[in-house]
C-alpha cells in the first residue's frame, strides 16, 4: 500500500466515525445553553457605512489641498518676482551667492538711490554733486589722486543735521572724508585751519605709520580726513584741491 492510499483510507475512516459521533446529553445541554445566552452580533446599516466613508474621503482631500496651498503660493510669488526682474534669496542657485536683481527703473543711470543708514536717510551722490552741496561741499577734495578715484559718496540726513561721507580708493592707497557742520564729539586728533595746513605740519602732527588722520575746520564746515598710503605732500595736495582752498570747482 502506498502512502497516498493509506492517507485516503484513513480519511474515509475518520469521516465515517465523525459522522456517527453523538455528544453525550450533558455536553449537548451545555452547548445549547451557551448558544441561547449569546448576544446576537450587531451589524451596521450599509447606508451609515457609506456615509462615513464619504466623510473620511472629503476630510482627506481637504487636508491634502491645504498641504499643497503653500507650495502653490511660493510658485506664484516666484513667477511674479521673475516677471518684475526680482530674484528672491531662496531662488538663488546652489553654490552661488544669494543676490537681488533690481528692476530697470532702479537701475536707471544717474537716478539717486535713497537708503536707510544709521539714524537718517543716505543719498548716493557723484563727485560733482558732492562738490555742489552747500557749505559741506567746500571741503570735498576735487581729486584725491589720479590712481585713487571716488568709490562712494553719500549725503546723510541725521538727527544733528547733514553730513557728507566720501571714499576714494585705488590699488595701494585710500582716502576717507567725513564732512559735517562741526567735528564729532570727542575728537582728539589734530585740527588745522586752512591757512595753517602744510606738509610739515601733517608729518609732525598727524602721521601714524602709513596713516594720516587729521581734521580741517572752516567757518562753514569741518572735515575729518583719513589717508592710507599717502605721503604728507600727496595728502596736502588732495586736501588743497577742495573749494575752501580755492582749488575745487563748485
Protein backbone atom coordinates (compact mmCIF):
# COMPACT_ATOMS: atom_id res chain seq x y z
CA UNK A 1 0.00 0.00 0.00
CA UNK A 2 1.34 3.34 -0.96
CA UNK A 3 1.41 6.36 1.34
CA UNK A 4 -1.34 8.09 -0.63
CA UNK A 5 -3.60 5.03 -0.46
CA UNK A 6 -3.04 4.84 3.26
CA UNK A 7 -3.97 8.53 3.71
CA UNK A 8 -7.15 8.09 1.67
CA UNK A 9 -8.17 5.05 3.69
CA UNK A 10 -7.52 6.91 6.95
CA UNK A 11 -9.58 9.93 5.76
CA UNK A 12 -12.59 7.75 4.89
CA UNK A 13 -12.45 6.02 8.23
CA UNK A 14 -12.17 9.33 10.09
CA UNK A 15 -15.12 10.87 8.21
CA UNK A 16 -17.26 7.80 8.94
CA UNK A 17 -16.50 7.95 12.65
CA UNK A 18 -17.08 11.74 12.80
CA UNK A 19 -20.44 11.46 11.05
CA UNK A 20 -21.68 8.84 13.52
CA UNK A 21 -20.43 10.68 16.61
CA UNK A 22 -23.07 11.93 19.00
CA UNK A 23 -22.19 14.07 22.05
CA UNK A 24 -23.49 12.87 25.40
CA UNK A 25 -26.51 14.58 26.91
CA UNK A 26 -24.60 16.84 29.37
CA UNK A 27 -22.30 18.22 26.69
CA UNK A 28 -25.21 18.93 24.36
CA UNK A 29 -27.16 20.77 27.07
CA UNK A 30 -24.14 22.98 27.87
CA UNK A 31 -23.76 23.87 24.20
CA UNK A 32 -27.44 24.74 23.88
CA UNK A 33 -27.41 26.93 26.98
CA UNK A 34 -24.34 28.83 25.74
CA UNK A 35 -25.95 29.40 22.35
CA UNK A 36 -29.14 30.68 23.99
CA UNK A 37 -27.25 33.17 26.17
CA UNK A 38 -25.07 34.50 23.32
CA UNK A 39 -25.86 38.10 22.28
CA UNK A 40 -26.52 38.38 18.57
CA UNK A 41 -23.84 40.39 16.69
CA UNK A 42 -24.95 43.83 15.63
CA UNK A 43 -24.43 44.81 12.04
CA UNK A 44 -24.08 48.40 10.80
CA UNK A 45 -26.55 49.55 8.17
CA UNK A 46 -24.97 49.87 4.74
CA UNK A 47 -26.08 53.49 4.34
CA UNK A 48 -24.26 54.59 7.53
CA UNK A 49 -21.07 52.84 6.44
CA UNK A 50 -21.14 54.53 3.01
CA UNK A 51 -21.80 57.96 4.58
CA UNK A 52 -18.88 57.57 6.99
CA UNK A 53 -16.53 56.59 4.15
CA UNK A 54 -17.57 59.65 2.13
CA UNK A 55 -16.89 61.96 5.09
CA UNK A 56 -13.43 60.48 5.57
CA UNK A 57 -12.67 60.94 1.87
CA UNK A 58 -13.71 64.62 1.99
CA UNK A 59 -11.57 65.29 5.09
CA UNK A 60 -8.54 63.61 3.48
CA UNK A 61 -8.95 65.64 0.27
CA UNK A 62 -9.21 68.90 2.22
CA UNK A 63 -6.06 68.12 4.23
CA UNK A 64 -4.14 67.27 1.05
CA UNK A 65 -5.26 70.54 -0.56
CA UNK A 66 -4.08 72.58 2.44
CA UNK A 67 -0.65 70.96 2.21
CA UNK A 68 -0.36 71.93 -1.46
CA UNK A 69 -1.52 75.55 -0.91
CA UNK A 70 1.81 76.99 0.47
CA UNK A 71 3.77 75.43 -2.39
CA UNK A 72 1.38 76.93 -4.95
CA UNK A 73 1.69 80.36 -3.31
CA UNK A 74 5.50 80.15 -3.41
CA UNK A 75 5.43 79.24 -7.10
CA UNK A 76 3.05 82.14 -7.80
CA UNK A 77 5.19 84.65 -5.89
CA UNK A 78 8.32 83.34 -7.58
CA UNK A 79 6.79 83.75 -11.03
CA UNK A 80 5.62 87.26 -10.20
CA UNK A 81 9.07 88.20 -8.89
CA UNK A 82 10.75 86.85 -12.00
CA UNK A 83 8.39 88.88 -14.17
CA UNK A 84 9.38 92.05 -12.28
CA UNK A 85 13.09 91.30 -12.51
CA UNK A 86 13.49 90.34 -8.85
CA UNK A 87 15.28 87.17 -7.79
CA UNK A 88 14.32 86.10 -4.27
CA UNK A 89 17.07 84.79 -1.95
CA UNK A 90 15.59 81.28 -1.83
CA UNK A 91 15.57 81.18 -5.65
CA UNK A 92 19.36 81.58 -5.93
CA UNK A 93 21.23 78.67 -7.46
CA UNK A 94 23.02 76.25 -5.16
CA UNK A 95 26.64 77.25 -4.62
CA UNK A 96 26.07 80.81 -5.79
CA UNK A 97 25.76 83.84 -3.51
CA UNK A 98 22.24 85.00 -2.97
CA UNK A 99 21.63 88.28 -4.78
CA UNK A 100 18.77 90.57 -5.80
CA UNK A 101 18.31 91.82 -9.36
CA UNK A 102 16.63 95.20 -9.31
CA UNK A 103 14.12 96.32 -11.86
CA UNK A 104 15.14 98.56 -14.73
CA UNK A 105 13.65 101.62 -13.03
CA UNK A 106 16.00 101.40 -10.04
CA UNK A 107 18.99 100.77 -12.31
CA UNK A 108 18.49 103.90 -14.45
CA UNK A 109 21.71 105.80 -14.91
CA UNK A 110 22.03 108.93 -12.81
CA UNK A 111 18.99 108.17 -10.59
CA UNK A 112 19.60 108.95 -6.93
CA UNK A 113 19.20 105.94 -4.62
CA UNK A 114 17.83 106.64 -1.15
CA UNK A 115 18.53 104.04 1.55
CA UNK A 116 18.45 103.96 5.32
CA UNK A 117 21.80 104.31 7.07
CA UNK A 118 22.17 104.81 10.79
CA UNK A 119 19.57 107.26 12.09
CA UNK A 120 18.92 109.04 8.79
CA UNK A 121 18.48 108.68 5.06
CA UNK A 122 21.59 108.48 2.87
CA UNK A 123 21.54 109.74 -0.70
CA UNK A 124 24.21 108.49 -3.06
CA UNK A 125 25.99 111.28 -4.92
CA UNK A 126 28.52 111.72 -7.67
CA UNK A 127 31.69 113.75 -7.13
CA UNK A 128 30.17 116.74 -8.94
CA UNK A 129 27.04 116.57 -6.79
CA UNK A 130 29.17 116.32 -3.64
CA UNK A 131 31.14 119.40 -4.60
CA UNK A 132 27.88 121.30 -5.08
CA UNK A 133 26.45 120.57 -1.62
CA UNK A 134 26.10 123.91 0.19
CA UNK A 135 28.72 124.53 2.91
CA UNK A 136 29.81 120.88 3.20
CA UNK A 137 30.92 120.69 -0.43
CA UNK A 138 33.56 123.34 0.18
CA UNK A 139 35.80 120.74 1.87
CA UNK A 140 35.29 117.95 -0.69
CA UNK A 141 38.57 117.14 -2.50
CA UNK A 142 38.13 117.66 -6.22
CA UNK A 143 40.69 114.90 -6.72
CA UNK A 144 42.43 112.61 -4.24
CA UNK A 145 44.96 111.32 -6.76
CA UNK A 146 45.00 110.12 -10.34
CA UNK A 147 45.22 106.49 -9.18
CA UNK A 148 42.67 106.94 -6.39
CA UNK A 149 39.22 107.70 -7.88
CA UNK A 150 36.00 108.25 -5.99
CA UNK A 151 34.44 104.98 -4.87
CA UNK A 152 31.37 106.13 -2.91
CA UNK A 153 29.80 109.39 -1.78
CA UNK A 154 26.65 109.83 0.29
CA UNK A 155 24.78 112.67 1.91
CA UNK A 156 23.25 111.63 5.24
CA UNK A 157 20.43 113.49 6.95
CA UNK A 158 20.79 112.67 10.65
CA UNK A 159 19.37 113.93 13.91
CA UNK A 160 22.08 116.60 14.26
CA UNK A 161 22.00 117.75 10.63
CA UNK A 162 23.57 116.79 7.33
CA UNK A 163 26.88 115.03 6.89
CA UNK A 164 28.79 114.13 3.76
CA UNK A 165 30.90 110.96 3.55
CA UNK A 166 33.25 110.13 0.68
CA UNK A 167 35.70 107.33 -0.02
CA UNK A 168 38.42 107.42 -2.66
CA UNK A 169 40.21 104.12 -3.27
CA UNK A 170 42.95 102.78 -5.51
CA UNK A 171 45.10 99.70 -5.62
CA UNK A 172 47.58 100.84 -2.97
CA UNK A 173 46.01 103.77 -1.14
CA UNK A 174 42.72 105.21 0.00
CA UNK A 175 41.14 108.36 1.43
CA UNK A 176 38.04 108.65 3.59
CA UNK A 177 36.46 112.04 4.30
CA UNK A 178 33.59 112.88 6.65
CA UNK A 179 32.28 116.44 6.49
CA UNK A 180 29.71 117.99 8.82
CA UNK A 181 28.84 121.31 10.40
CA UNK A 182 31.12 120.53 13.35
CA UNK A 183 33.71 117.99 14.40
CA UNK A 184 32.50 114.74 16.01
CA UNK A 185 32.10 114.75 19.77
CA UNK A 186 35.24 113.51 21.45
CA UNK A 187 37.56 114.15 18.50
CA UNK A 188 41.11 114.22 19.86
CA UNK A 189 43.14 114.35 16.67
CA UNK A 190 44.89 117.28 15.08
CA UNK A 191 42.74 120.15 13.84
CA UNK A 192 44.00 122.66 11.27
CA UNK A 193 42.68 125.87 9.85
CA UNK A 194 43.16 126.02 6.06
CA UNK A 195 45.91 128.64 6.38
CA UNK A 196 47.87 126.53 8.89
CA UNK A 197 47.92 123.35 6.83
CA UNK A 198 51.28 122.25 5.37
CA UNK A 199 53.15 119.06 4.56
CA UNK A 200 55.49 119.65 7.50
CA UNK A 201 52.57 120.15 9.89
CA UNK A 202 50.97 116.94 8.69
CA UNK A 203 54.17 114.96 9.04
CA UNK A 204 54.84 116.08 12.60
CA UNK A 205 51.32 116.25 14.00
CA UNK A 206 49.19 113.72 12.16
CA UNK A 207 51.33 110.83 10.90
CA UNK A 208 50.89 107.38 12.46
CA UNK A 209 52.72 104.76 10.43
CA UNK A 210 51.29 104.79 6.90
CA UNK A 211 48.10 106.54 8.05
CA UNK A 212 47.48 110.28 8.13
CA UNK A 213 44.43 111.34 10.12
CA UNK A 214 43.54 114.94 10.88
CA UNK A 215 40.72 117.48 10.69
CA UNK A 216 40.28 120.76 8.86
CA UNK A 217 37.84 123.32 10.19
CA UNK A 218 36.46 126.42 8.46
CA UNK A 219 33.69 128.86 9.24
CA UNK A 220 31.28 126.76 7.13
CA UNK A 221 32.12 123.15 8.00
CA UNK A 222 34.60 120.69 9.50
CA UNK A 223 36.11 117.66 7.81
CA UNK A 224 37.97 114.61 9.11
CA UNK A 225 40.47 113.21 6.59
CA UNK A 226 41.99 109.73 6.88
CA UNK A 227 44.69 108.93 4.32
CA UNK A 228 46.14 105.46 3.87
CA UNK A 229 49.31 105.06 1.81
CA UNK A 230 49.64 108.80 1.07
CA UNK A 231 52.72 110.86 1.74
CA UNK A 232 52.18 114.16 3.61
CA UNK A 233 52.78 116.06 0.37
CA UNK A 234 50.23 113.98 -1.58
CA UNK A 235 47.71 114.29 1.26
CA UNK A 236 48.16 118.05 1.30
CA UNK A 237 47.62 118.24 -2.46
CA UNK A 238 44.38 116.26 -2.16
CA UNK A 239 43.03 118.47 0.65
CA UNK A 240 44.01 121.69 -1.11
CA UNK A 241 42.03 120.63 -4.18
CA UNK A 242 38.88 121.47 -2.18
CA UNK A 243 37.00 124.70 -2.85
CA UNK A 244 37.83 126.06 0.62
CA UNK A 245 41.43 126.28 -0.59
CA UNK A 246 40.34 127.84 -3.91
CA UNK A 247 41.21 124.57 -5.61
CA UNK A 248 37.86 122.91 -6.33
CA UNK A 249 35.11 123.91 -8.69
CA UNK A 250 31.58 124.49 -7.40
